[in-house]
Amino acid sequence: MKSVFALEETLGTNWLNKLGITILVLGLALFGIYELGQLGPAGKVGLSYFVSSALLAGGVFFEKRERYRVLGRTLIGGGWALLFFTTYALNHVQAMRVMSSENTDLILMLIAALAMVAHTLRYRSQLVTGLAFLLAYTTVSLSHDTVYSLASGVILAIGLVSIVIKMEWFELEVFGILSSYLNHLYWLYRVLGPEGAHGNAFSEYQASTALLLFYWVIFRGSYIVRRVKSPRAEHVSTAAALLNTLLLLGTMKFQSVQPELAYVALLIIGAVEFSLGQLPITKRRREAFVVLSVLGAALMTAAVPFRYSGNNVAMLWLIGGEALLVTGVLFGEVVFRRLGLFAGMLVGLHLAGIDFRQLMAVRENSEDLVLAAGVMFALCAAVFYLNALLIGTRWRLFFFDFPDSQLLYSHSYLAAFAAVSAGWALCANDWTAVAFAGIMLTLAALGHKFKLFHLQVQ
């Protein structure tokens, strides 16, 4: 009975009011965007400001009373989110547009964000600040007319990072990174469609790229200058650091208008990440030094194969997975290790479900060299075998229990599949049999050396 009552209290005092304020804020935002055209833009703006002010006043009132403190803080977060959205809508939402100057609205949004930061920090509550920022991200994502309307995300990112550094709420930054990039990706999806740019130029490309790079710079700067006081906080920071780069690369690939130059971006970003890892301020935190160095080296190493693999998106998954796996091994973090191993399994599914089927389609009609598929399969084979043999042998204690050992063995079977597929793609006619024989003999020798039954099976 105590457990049941505890669950009911948790739902009633913590989750239902958060769900309620989320529905209320999103409902009012959608109301301003789509409903009641006869009310007019000025009427919608006035109503929205009135409701946000009422939520803030009610939140301040209830927050002072111990019994209703959680409710009060929830109302404060929702009130600030709605106020920021209304300020954003003054110029950037057609149905609520009462201001013609983008610059003036940008200044007003900056003032609203600063006020939101200053007020929510008074309560030193991650609930209040996090709810305000995440609801603000969500509401502004409902209406993006042009790329310049994404300036709201830039302002929110600056405000969020300043809070993260001051309060050391590194978990909040993870959600801020996800919100910033996914908000941008959603806008690109609406502009370009589900297939992305596909090499076709669009007018907002340069502005979009500048915004993405700004996100990356502001979140990377936050990662470097912060002071971390516990291993857990460092691990959360590592997750944010990896997400920042991988989401940047994924979003840039989606909007790429010159795919043949994507490897240049990998080289440049990799070099910058590696250089940032060598800074004295970064070396004060060993995990930050290792993460940026490993990530930068992985990006630079993968640049050339990425070009010759046809800019395969699975390559980005492979980079992220390996960075997680190496970080988890070096710092003994099981979550990173398992995420890295699972990412490798996703790459394997992509190879089997998409790349191999495309290779089969080509081989049905031709014995020509399939360079892109061959490079991708060969790289994956090398990486997966390094995981299974080098990492699995050097840090054997980390891969002794379930499910780590099973995942690592699965990587070796994925490697065998990728190696055979690479031989089929890169060789023609009778040379294919020679390639298969070479792979067989290599695996037999490795199985004998490492005493691994799985290699003998393969």
Protein backbone atom coordinates (compact mmCIF):
# COMPACT_ATOMS: atom_id res chain seq x y z
CA MET A 1 0.00 0.00 0.00
CA LYS A 2 2.88 2.36 0.78
CA SER A 3 4.29 1.71 -2.69
CA VAL A 4 0.93 2.42 -4.32
CA PHE A 5 0.44 5.66 -2.40
CA ALA A 6 4.03 6.72 -3.15
CA LEU A 7 3.40 6.17 -6.86
CA GLU A 8 0.15 8.14 -6.73
CA GLU A 9 1.87 10.99 -4.91
CA THR A 10 4.71 11.03 -7.47
CA LEU A 11 2.25 11.13 -10.36
CA GLY A 12 0.06 13.77 -8.73
CA THR A 13 2.74 16.13 -7.47
CA ASN A 14 5.46 15.70 -10.09
CA TRP A 15 4.31 14.35 -13.44
CA LEU A 16 0.69 15.39 -13.98
CA ASN A 17 1.36 19.09 -13.41
CA LYS A 18 4.34 18.97 -15.81
CA LEU A 19 2.18 17.24 -18.40
CA GLY A 20 -0.57 19.77 -17.82
CA ILE A 21 1.65 22.82 -18.25
CA THR A 22 3.19 21.29 -21.39
CA ILE A 23 -0.25 20.76 -22.94
CA LEU A 24 -1.33 24.27 -21.90
CA VAL A 25 1.72 26.03 -23.35
CA LEU A 26 1.69 24.05 -26.61
CA GLY A 27 -2.06 24.51 -26.92
CA LEU A 28 -1.78 28.28 -26.54
CA ALA A 29 1.09 28.38 -29.05
CA LEU A 30 -0.94 26.42 -31.60
CA PHE A 31 -3.94 28.61 -30.83
CA GLY A 32 -1.88 31.68 -31.69
CA ILE A 33 -0.58 30.13 -34.91
CA TYR A 34 -3.73 28.57 -36.35
CA GLU A 35 -6.97 29.39 -34.52
CA LEU A 36 -9.42 32.31 -34.32
CA GLY A 37 -8.36 34.44 -37.24
CA GLN A 38 -11.06 37.00 -36.31
CA LEU A 39 -9.17 37.78 -33.09
CA GLY A 40 -6.34 39.28 -35.15
CA PRO A 41 -2.58 39.26 -34.53
CA ALA A 42 -2.72 41.96 -31.85
CA GLY A 43 -5.49 40.15 -29.99
CA LYS A 44 -3.59 36.86 -30.03
CA VAL A 45 -0.40 38.54 -28.83
CA GLY A 46 -2.25 40.34 -26.05
CA LEU A 47 -4.00 37.15 -24.92
CA SER A 48 -0.77 35.18 -24.97
CA TYR A 49 1.10 37.81 -22.95
CA PHE A 50 -1.80 37.94 -20.46
CA VAL A 51 -1.77 34.15 -19.94
CA SER A 52 2.03 34.01 -19.60
CA SER A 53 1.93 36.83 -17.03
CA ALA A 54 -0.82 35.01 -15.12
CA LEU A 55 1.21 31.80 -15.13
CA LEU A 56 4.28 33.64 -13.83
CA ALA A 57 2.31 35.46 -11.12
CA GLY A 58 0.60 32.26 -10.03
CA GLY A 59 3.90 30.42 -10.04
CA VAL A 60 5.60 33.04 -7.85
CA PHE A 61 2.62 32.93 -5.47
CA PHE A 62 2.52 29.13 -5.11
CA GLU A 63 6.31 28.71 -5.02
CA LYS A 64 6.46 30.53 -1.69
CA ARG A 65 4.29 27.85 -0.07
CA GLU A 66 6.02 24.61 0.75
CA ARG A 67 3.04 22.44 -0.06
CA TYR A 68 2.62 23.85 -3.58
CA ARG A 69 6.26 24.54 -4.41
CA VAL A 70 6.51 22.00 -7.24
CA LEU A 71 3.31 23.33 -8.80
CA GLY A 72 4.59 26.90 -8.49
CA ARG A 73 7.89 26.10 -10.16
CA THR A 74 6.10 24.28 -12.97
CA LEU A 75 3.93 27.34 -13.60
CA ILE A 76 7.00 29.59 -13.64
CA GLY A 77 8.73 27.42 -16.25
CA GLY A 78 5.61 27.34 -18.44
CA GLY A 79 5.03 31.06 -18.06
CA TRP A 80 8.52 31.98 -19.23
CA ALA A 81 8.34 29.55 -22.14
CA LEU A 82 5.05 31.07 -23.34
CA LEU A 83 6.37 34.62 -22.87
CA PHE A 84 9.46 33.84 -24.95
CA PHE A 85 7.35 32.25 -27.69
CA THR A 86 5.04 35.27 -27.79
CA THR A 87 8.03 37.59 -28.14
CA TYR A 88 9.38 35.37 -30.92
CA ALA A 89 5.96 35.41 -32.62
CA LEU A 90 5.85 39.23 -32.81
CA ASN A 91 7.73 39.01 -36.12
CA HIS A 92 8.25 35.35 -36.96
CA VAL A 93 4.70 33.91 -36.79
CA GLN A 94 2.49 35.16 -39.61
CA ALA A 95 -0.76 34.83 -37.64
CA MET A 96 0.67 36.88 -34.73
CA ARG A 97 2.89 39.31 -36.61
CA VAL A 98 2.56 42.83 -35.21
CA MET A 99 6.17 43.91 -35.80
CA SER A 100 7.96 44.33 -39.14
CA SER A 101 11.54 44.67 -37.87
CA GLU A 102 13.44 41.40 -37.39
CA ASN A 103 16.26 43.18 -35.55
CA THR A 104 13.90 44.74 -33.01
CA ASP A 105 12.24 41.40 -32.36
CA LEU A 106 15.68 39.81 -31.98
CA ILE A 107 16.56 42.36 -29.31
CA LEU A 108 13.27 41.73 -27.53
CA MET A 109 13.88 37.97 -27.60
CA LEU A 110 17.34 38.53 -26.12
CA ILE A 111 15.83 40.65 -23.34
CA ALA A 112 13.18 37.98 -22.68
CA ALA A 113 15.84 35.25 -22.56
CA LEU A 114 18.02 37.26 -20.16
CA ALA A 115 15.03 37.93 -17.91
CA MET A 116 14.12 34.23 -18.03
CA VAL A 117 17.66 33.25 -17.04
CA ALA A 118 17.88 35.83 -14.25
CA HIS A 119 14.49 34.92 -12.76
CA THR A 120 14.68 31.15 -12.98
CA LEU A 121 18.17 31.12 -11.47
CA ARG A 122 16.75 32.66 -8.30
CA TYR A 123 15.17 29.32 -7.47
CA ARG A 124 18.32 27.27 -8.24
CA SER A 125 16.02 24.60 -9.59
CA GLN A 126 16.82 22.59 -12.69
CA LEU A 127 13.08 21.90 -12.98
CA VAL A 128 12.16 25.56 -13.41
CA THR A 129 14.99 26.46 -15.77
CA GLY A 130 14.86 23.21 -17.76
CA LEU A 131 11.11 23.34 -18.23
CA ALA A 132 11.25 26.97 -19.36
CA PHE A 133 13.98 26.35 -21.95
CA LEU A 134 12.71 23.04 -23.29
CA LEU A 135 9.15 24.33 -23.68
CA ALA A 136 10.55 27.46 -25.36
CA TYR A 137 12.46 25.27 -27.85
CA THR A 138 9.32 23.23 -28.49
CA THR A 139 6.97 26.14 -29.06
CA VAL A 140 9.25 28.04 -31.45
CA SER A 141 9.72 24.85 -33.49
CA LEU A 142 6.01 24.93 -34.32
CA SER A 143 6.45 27.85 -36.70
CA HIS A 144 9.60 28.56 -38.74
CA ASP A 145 8.92 30.65 -41.85
CA THR A 146 12.55 31.36 -42.82
CA VAL A 147 15.99 30.34 -41.69
CA TYR A 148 16.27 33.64 -39.81
CA SER A 149 13.43 32.59 -37.53
CA LEU A 150 15.91 30.02 -36.16
CA ALA A 151 17.69 32.93 -34.47
CA SER A 152 15.48 32.16 -31.48
CA GLY A 153 17.35 28.88 -31.08
CA VAL A 154 20.65 30.74 -31.07
CA ILE A 155 19.46 32.99 -28.24
CA LEU A 156 18.15 30.02 -26.28
CA ALA A 157 21.46 28.16 -26.78
CA ILE A 158 23.46 31.12 -25.40
CA GLY A 159 21.18 31.45 -22.40
CA LEU A 160 21.21 27.74 -21.70
CA VAL A 161 25.00 27.44 -21.90
CA SER A 162 25.48 30.37 -19.53
CA ILE A 163 23.26 28.58 -17.00
CA VAL A 164 24.98 25.22 -17.50
CA ILE A 165 28.42 26.71 -16.81
CA LYS A 166 27.26 28.69 -13.78
CA MET A 167 25.08 26.01 -12.14
CA GLU A 168 26.91 22.89 -13.43
CA TRP A 169 23.63 21.40 -14.69
CA PHE A 170 25.31 19.37 -17.40
CA GLU A 171 22.29 17.11 -17.94
CA LEU A 172 20.36 20.18 -19.08
CA GLU A 173 22.95 20.82 -21.79
CA VAL A 174 22.34 17.37 -23.30
CA PHE A 175 18.68 18.25 -23.83
CA GLY A 176 19.68 21.70 -25.09
CA ILE A 177 21.97 20.16 -27.73
CA LEU A 178 19.24 17.75 -28.82
CA SER A 179 16.69 20.57 -28.97
CA SER A 180 18.94 22.92 -30.96
CA TYR A 181 19.96 20.46 -33.67
CA LEU A 182 16.64 18.60 -33.93
CA ASN A 183 14.78 21.91 -34.14
CA HIS A 184 17.06 22.90 -37.02
CA LEU A 185 16.71 19.49 -38.65
CA TYR A 186 12.92 19.75 -38.45
CA TRP A 187 13.07 23.08 -40.28
CA LEU A 188 15.31 21.52 -42.96
CA TYR A 189 12.87 18.61 -43.27
CA ARG A 190 10.03 21.05 -43.94
CA VAL A 191 12.11 22.94 -46.52
CA LEU A 192 13.89 20.06 -48.28
CA GLY A 193 11.65 17.04 -47.71
CA PRO A 194 12.55 13.64 -46.24
CA GLU A 195 15.48 13.03 -48.63
CA GLY A 196 17.33 16.24 -47.74
CA ALA A 197 19.16 18.48 -50.20
CA HIS A 198 20.59 15.55 -52.20
CA GLY A 199 23.15 17.85 -53.79
CA ASN A 200 20.56 20.44 -54.85
CA ALA A 201 21.33 24.02 -53.80
CA PHE A 202 18.77 26.01 -51.81
CA SER A 203 18.81 29.70 -50.99
CA GLU A 204 19.13 29.40 -47.21
CA TYR A 205 22.11 27.01 -47.30
CA GLN A 206 24.80 29.47 -46.16
CA ALA A 207 22.72 30.92 -43.33
CA SER A 208 21.74 27.42 -42.22
CA THR A 209 25.38 26.28 -42.17
CA ALA A 210 26.41 29.36 -40.19
CA LEU A 211 23.74 28.62 -37.56
CA LEU A 212 24.82 24.98 -37.27
CA LEU A 213 28.46 25.95 -36.83
CA PHE A 214 27.45 28.50 -34.21
CA TYR A 215 25.64 25.78 -32.22
CA TRP A 216 28.74 23.63 -32.41
CA VAL A 217 31.06 26.46 -31.30
CA ILE A 218 28.91 27.54 -28.35
CA PHE A 219 28.42 24.00 -27.01
CA ARG A 220 32.05 23.06 -27.60
CA GLY A 221 33.18 26.22 -25.81
CA SER A 222 30.96 25.25 -22.89
CA TYR A 223 32.55 21.79 -22.78
CA ILE A 224 36.09 23.16 -22.71
CA VAL A 225 35.75 25.98 -20.14
CA ARG A 226 33.60 24.17 -17.57
CA ARG A 227 34.89 22.91 -14.25
CA VAL A 228 33.78 19.38 -13.47
CA LYS A 229 33.78 18.12 -9.88
CA SER A 230 32.67 14.49 -10.16
CA PRO A 231 33.16 11.50 -12.49
CA ARG A 232 29.42 11.35 -13.16
CA ALA A 233 29.36 14.99 -14.27
CA GLU A 234 32.34 14.29 -16.53
CA HIS A 235 30.57 11.34 -18.13
CA VAL A 236 27.48 13.47 -18.79
CA SER A 237 29.73 16.13 -20.31
CA THR A 238 31.32 13.49 -22.53
CA ALA A 239 27.91 12.41 -23.81
CA ALA A 240 27.12 16.04 -24.61
CA ALA A 241 30.47 16.53 -26.38
CA LEU A 242 29.93 13.52 -28.65
CA LEU A 243 26.32 14.46 -29.37
CA ASN A 244 27.38 17.98 -30.34
CA THR A 245 29.75 16.84 -33.09
CA LEU A 246 27.70 13.90 -34.38
CA LEU A 247 24.48 15.91 -34.64
CA LEU A 248 26.38 18.70 -36.41
CA LEU A 249 27.75 16.25 -38.99
CA GLY A 250 24.43 14.46 -39.45
CA THR A 251 22.50 17.70 -39.97
CA MET A 252 25.13 19.09 -42.35
CA LYS A 253 24.99 15.87 -44.37
CA PHE A 254 21.20 16.16 -44.61
CA GLN A 255 21.51 19.67 -46.10
CA SER A 256 24.66 19.01 -48.15
CA VAL A 257 24.64 20.66 -51.60
CA GLN A 258 28.14 19.42 -52.57
CA PRO A 259 28.41 15.86 -51.20
CA GLU A 260 31.76 15.33 -52.93
CA LEU A 261 33.31 17.89 -50.54
CA ALA A 262 31.92 16.31 -47.36
CA TYR A 263 35.27 14.70 -46.59
CA VAL A 264 36.79 18.21 -46.37
CA ALA A 265 34.34 19.03 -43.56
CA LEU A 266 35.37 15.84 -41.74
CA LEU A 267 39.04 16.75 -42.08
CA ILE A 268 38.57 20.33 -40.88
CA ILE A 269 36.23 19.54 -37.98
CA GLY A 270 38.41 16.60 -36.98
CA ALA A 271 41.53 18.77 -37.00
CA VAL A 272 39.80 21.45 -34.91
CA GLU A 273 38.50 18.87 -32.40
CA PHE A 274 41.96 17.30 -32.09
CA SER A 275 43.59 20.73 -31.64
CA LEU A 276 41.07 21.72 -28.96
CA GLY A 277 41.96 18.52 -27.13
CA GLN A 278 45.59 19.66 -26.90
CA LEU A 279 44.81 23.00 -25.21
CA PRO A 280 46.16 23.40 -21.65
CA ILE A 281 42.66 24.13 -20.34
CA THR A 282 41.41 20.87 -21.85
CA LYS A 283 44.32 18.78 -20.58
CA ARG A 284 43.39 19.66 -17.01
CA ARG A 285 40.55 17.16 -17.47
CA ARG A 286 41.95 13.89 -18.77
CA GLU A 287 38.61 12.60 -20.04
CA ALA A 288 38.01 15.77 -22.06
CA PHE A 289 41.53 15.53 -23.51
CA VAL A 290 41.01 11.89 -24.52
CA VAL A 291 37.50 12.40 -25.91
CA LEU A 292 38.43 15.33 -28.16
CA SER A 293 41.67 13.70 -29.27
CA VAL A 294 39.99 10.38 -30.10
CA LEU A 295 37.06 12.08 -31.80
CA GLY A 296 39.29 14.36 -33.85
CA ALA A 297 41.57 11.51 -34.91
CA ALA A 298 38.56 9.34 -35.83
CA LEU A 299 37.06 12.09 -38.00
CA MET A 300 40.33 12.78 -39.82
CA THR A 301 41.00 9.07 -40.32
CA ALA A 302 37.50 8.46 -41.70
CA ALA A 303 37.58 11.44 -44.10
CA VAL A 304 39.10 9.62 -47.08
CA PRO A 305 37.07 6.38 -46.71
CA PHE A 306 33.97 8.51 -46.25
CA ARG A 307 34.56 10.12 -49.63
CA TYR A 308 35.09 6.84 -51.45
CA SER A 309 32.20 5.12 -49.68
CA GLY A 310 29.71 7.41 -51.38
CA ASN A 311 29.29 9.56 -48.24
CA ASN A 312 27.46 6.71 -46.55
CA VAL A 313 25.63 7.89 -43.41
CA ALA A 314 26.55 4.63 -41.67
CA MET A 315 30.11 5.97 -41.56
CA LEU A 316 28.98 8.69 -39.12
CA TRP A 317 27.32 6.05 -36.93
CA LEU A 318 30.55 4.06 -37.01
CA ILE A 319 32.60 7.08 -35.92
CA GLY A 320 30.23 7.83 -33.05
CA GLY A 321 30.09 4.22 -31.94
CA GLU A 322 33.87 3.85 -31.91
CA ALA A 323 34.34 7.10 -30.00
CA LEU A 324 31.87 5.88 -27.36
CA LEU A 325 33.48 2.43 -27.16
CA VAL A 326 37.03 3.74 -26.80
CA THR A 327 35.96 6.32 -24.21
CA GLY A 328 34.05 3.69 -22.25
CA VAL A 329 37.04 1.35 -22.26
CA LEU A 330 39.60 3.98 -21.26
CA PHE A 331 37.47 5.35 -18.41
CA GLY A 332 35.69 2.19 -17.30
CA GLU A 333 32.18 3.52 -18.12
CA VAL A 334 29.89 0.62 -18.96
CA VAL A 335 27.14 2.82 -20.45
CA PHE A 336 29.50 4.25 -23.07
CA ARG A 337 30.90 0.81 -23.90
CA ARG A 338 27.48 -0.69 -24.45
CA LEU A 339 26.23 2.29 -26.43
CA GLY A 340 29.29 1.97 -28.65
CA LEU A 341 28.69 -1.74 -29.16
CA PHE A 342 25.00 -1.18 -29.91
CA ALA A 343 25.91 1.56 -32.41
CA GLY A 344 28.14 -0.98 -34.14
CA MET A 345 25.18 -3.36 -34.36
CA LEU A 346 23.13 -0.60 -36.00
CA VAL A 347 25.89 -0.13 -38.56
CA GLY A 348 25.78 -3.87 -39.20
CA LEU A 349 22.02 -3.73 -39.77
CA HIS A 350 22.55 -0.89 -42.24
CA LEU A 351 25.21 -2.92 -44.06
CA ALA A 352 23.01 -6.01 -44.30
CA GLY A 353 19.69 -4.30 -44.97
CA ILE A 354 20.73 -1.53 -47.37
CA ASP A 355 24.33 -1.70 -48.61
CA PHE A 356 24.42 -5.45 -49.26
CA ARG A 357 21.11 -5.36 -51.10
CA GLN A 358 22.44 -2.59 -53.33
CA LEU A 359 25.58 -4.64 -53.98
CA MET A 360 23.45 -7.65 -54.93
CA ALA A 361 21.46 -5.51 -57.36
CA VAL A 362 24.68 -4.40 -59.07
CA ARG A 363 26.14 -7.91 -59.17
CA GLU A 364 23.00 -9.27 -60.85
CA ASN A 365 23.87 -7.23 -63.94
CA SER A 366 27.59 -6.56 -63.84
CA GLU A 367 31.00 -7.69 -62.57
CA ASP A 368 32.31 -4.12 -62.48
CA LEU A 369 34.18 -2.76 -59.47
CA VAL A 370 31.75 -1.37 -56.83
CA LEU A 371 34.15 1.00 -55.12
CA ALA A 372 31.78 2.81 -52.73
CA ALA A 373 30.32 -0.39 -51.25
CA GLY A 374 33.73 -2.09 -51.19
CA VAL A 375 35.37 0.72 -49.24
CA MET A 376 32.50 0.84 -46.74
CA PHE A 377 32.48 -2.93 -46.17
CA ALA A 378 36.29 -3.11 -45.90
CA LEU A 379 36.45 -0.28 -43.36
CA CYS A 380 33.68 -1.83 -41.24
CA ALA A 381 35.43 -5.21 -41.36
CA ALA A 382 38.69 -3.68 -40.14
CA VAL A 383 37.01 -1.69 -37.35
CA PHE A 384 34.84 -4.56 -36.10
CA TYR A 385 37.77 -6.98 -36.03
CA LEU A 386 39.84 -4.41 -34.13
CA ASN A 387 37.01 -4.22 -31.59
CA ALA A 388 36.75 -7.98 -31.23
CA LEU A 389 40.47 -8.79 -31.24
CA LEU A 390 42.45 -5.78 -30.02
CA ILE A 391 40.01 -4.11 -27.61
CA GLY A 392 38.40 -7.38 -26.55
CA THR A 393 41.80 -8.92 -25.74
CA ARG A 394 43.50 -5.87 -24.20
CA TRP A 395 40.55 -5.05 -21.88
CA ARG A 396 39.15 -8.55 -21.48
CA LEU A 397 37.70 -7.91 -18.01
CA PHE A 398 35.27 -5.34 -19.41
CA PHE A 399 33.76 -7.89 -21.78
CA PHE A 400 33.41 -10.88 -19.49
CA ASP A 401 29.70 -10.70 -18.58
CA PHE A 402 26.41 -10.58 -20.46
CA PRO A 403 25.64 -8.73 -22.73
CA ASP A 404 29.11 -7.28 -23.38
CA SER A 405 30.76 -10.52 -24.46
CA GLN A 406 27.86 -11.43 -26.75
CA LEU A 407 27.90 -8.00 -28.37
CA LEU A 408 31.65 -8.17 -28.91
CA TYR A 409 31.39 -11.62 -30.52
CA SER A 410 28.59 -10.26 -32.70
CA HIS A 411 31.00 -7.55 -33.90
CA SER A 412 33.39 -10.26 -35.10
CA TYR A 413 30.62 -11.96 -37.12
CA LEU A 414 29.62 -8.59 -38.58
CA ALA A 415 33.28 -8.14 -39.49
CA ALA A 416 33.34 -11.50 -41.30
CA PHE A 417 30.20 -10.60 -43.23
CA ALA A 418 31.66 -7.18 -44.12
CA ALA A 419 35.00 -8.71 -45.19
CA VAL A 420 33.34 -11.20 -47.56
CA SER A 421 31.09 -8.46 -48.95
CA ALA A 422 34.12 -6.22 -49.49
CA GLY A 423 35.84 -9.04 -51.40
CA TRP A 424 32.74 -9.50 -53.57
CA ALA A 425 32.51 -5.74 -54.27
CA LEU A 426 36.18 -5.10 -54.99
CA CYS A 427 36.92 -8.24 -57.03
CA ALA A 428 35.42 -9.60 -60.22
CA ASN A 429 34.97 -13.03 -61.80
CA ASP A 430 37.53 -15.63 -60.61
CA TRP A 431 39.34 -13.06 -58.47
CA THR A 432 36.36 -13.19 -56.12
CA ALA A 433 37.28 -16.78 -55.20
CA VAL A 434 40.86 -15.67 -54.56
CA ALA A 435 39.61 -12.91 -52.24
CA PHE A 436 37.37 -15.36 -50.34
CA ALA A 437 40.28 -17.77 -49.95
CA GLY A 438 42.52 -14.98 -48.65
CA ILE A 439 39.89 -13.98 -46.07
CA MET A 440 39.47 -17.62 -45.02
CA LEU A 441 43.21 -18.15 -44.52
CA THR A 442 43.57 -14.86 -42.61
CA LEU A 443 40.75 -15.77 -40.24
CA ALA A 444 42.17 -19.27 -39.73
CA ALA A 445 45.56 -17.78 -38.80
CA LEU A 446 44.00 -15.22 -36.44
CA GLY A 447 41.80 -17.89 -34.85
CA HIS A 448 44.89 -20.03 -34.20
CA LYS A 449 46.86 -17.10 -32.77
CA PHE A 450 44.14 -15.76 -30.45
CA LYS A 451 42.60 -19.18 -29.67
CA LEU A 452 39.14 -17.89 -30.63
CA PHE A 453 36.57 -20.48 -31.63
CA HIS A 454 34.38 -17.82 -33.30
CA LEU A 455 37.09 -17.00 -35.85
CA GLN A 456 37.42 -20.66 -36.73
CA VAL A 457 33.64 -20.80 -37.30
CA GLN A 458 33.82 -17.75 -39.51
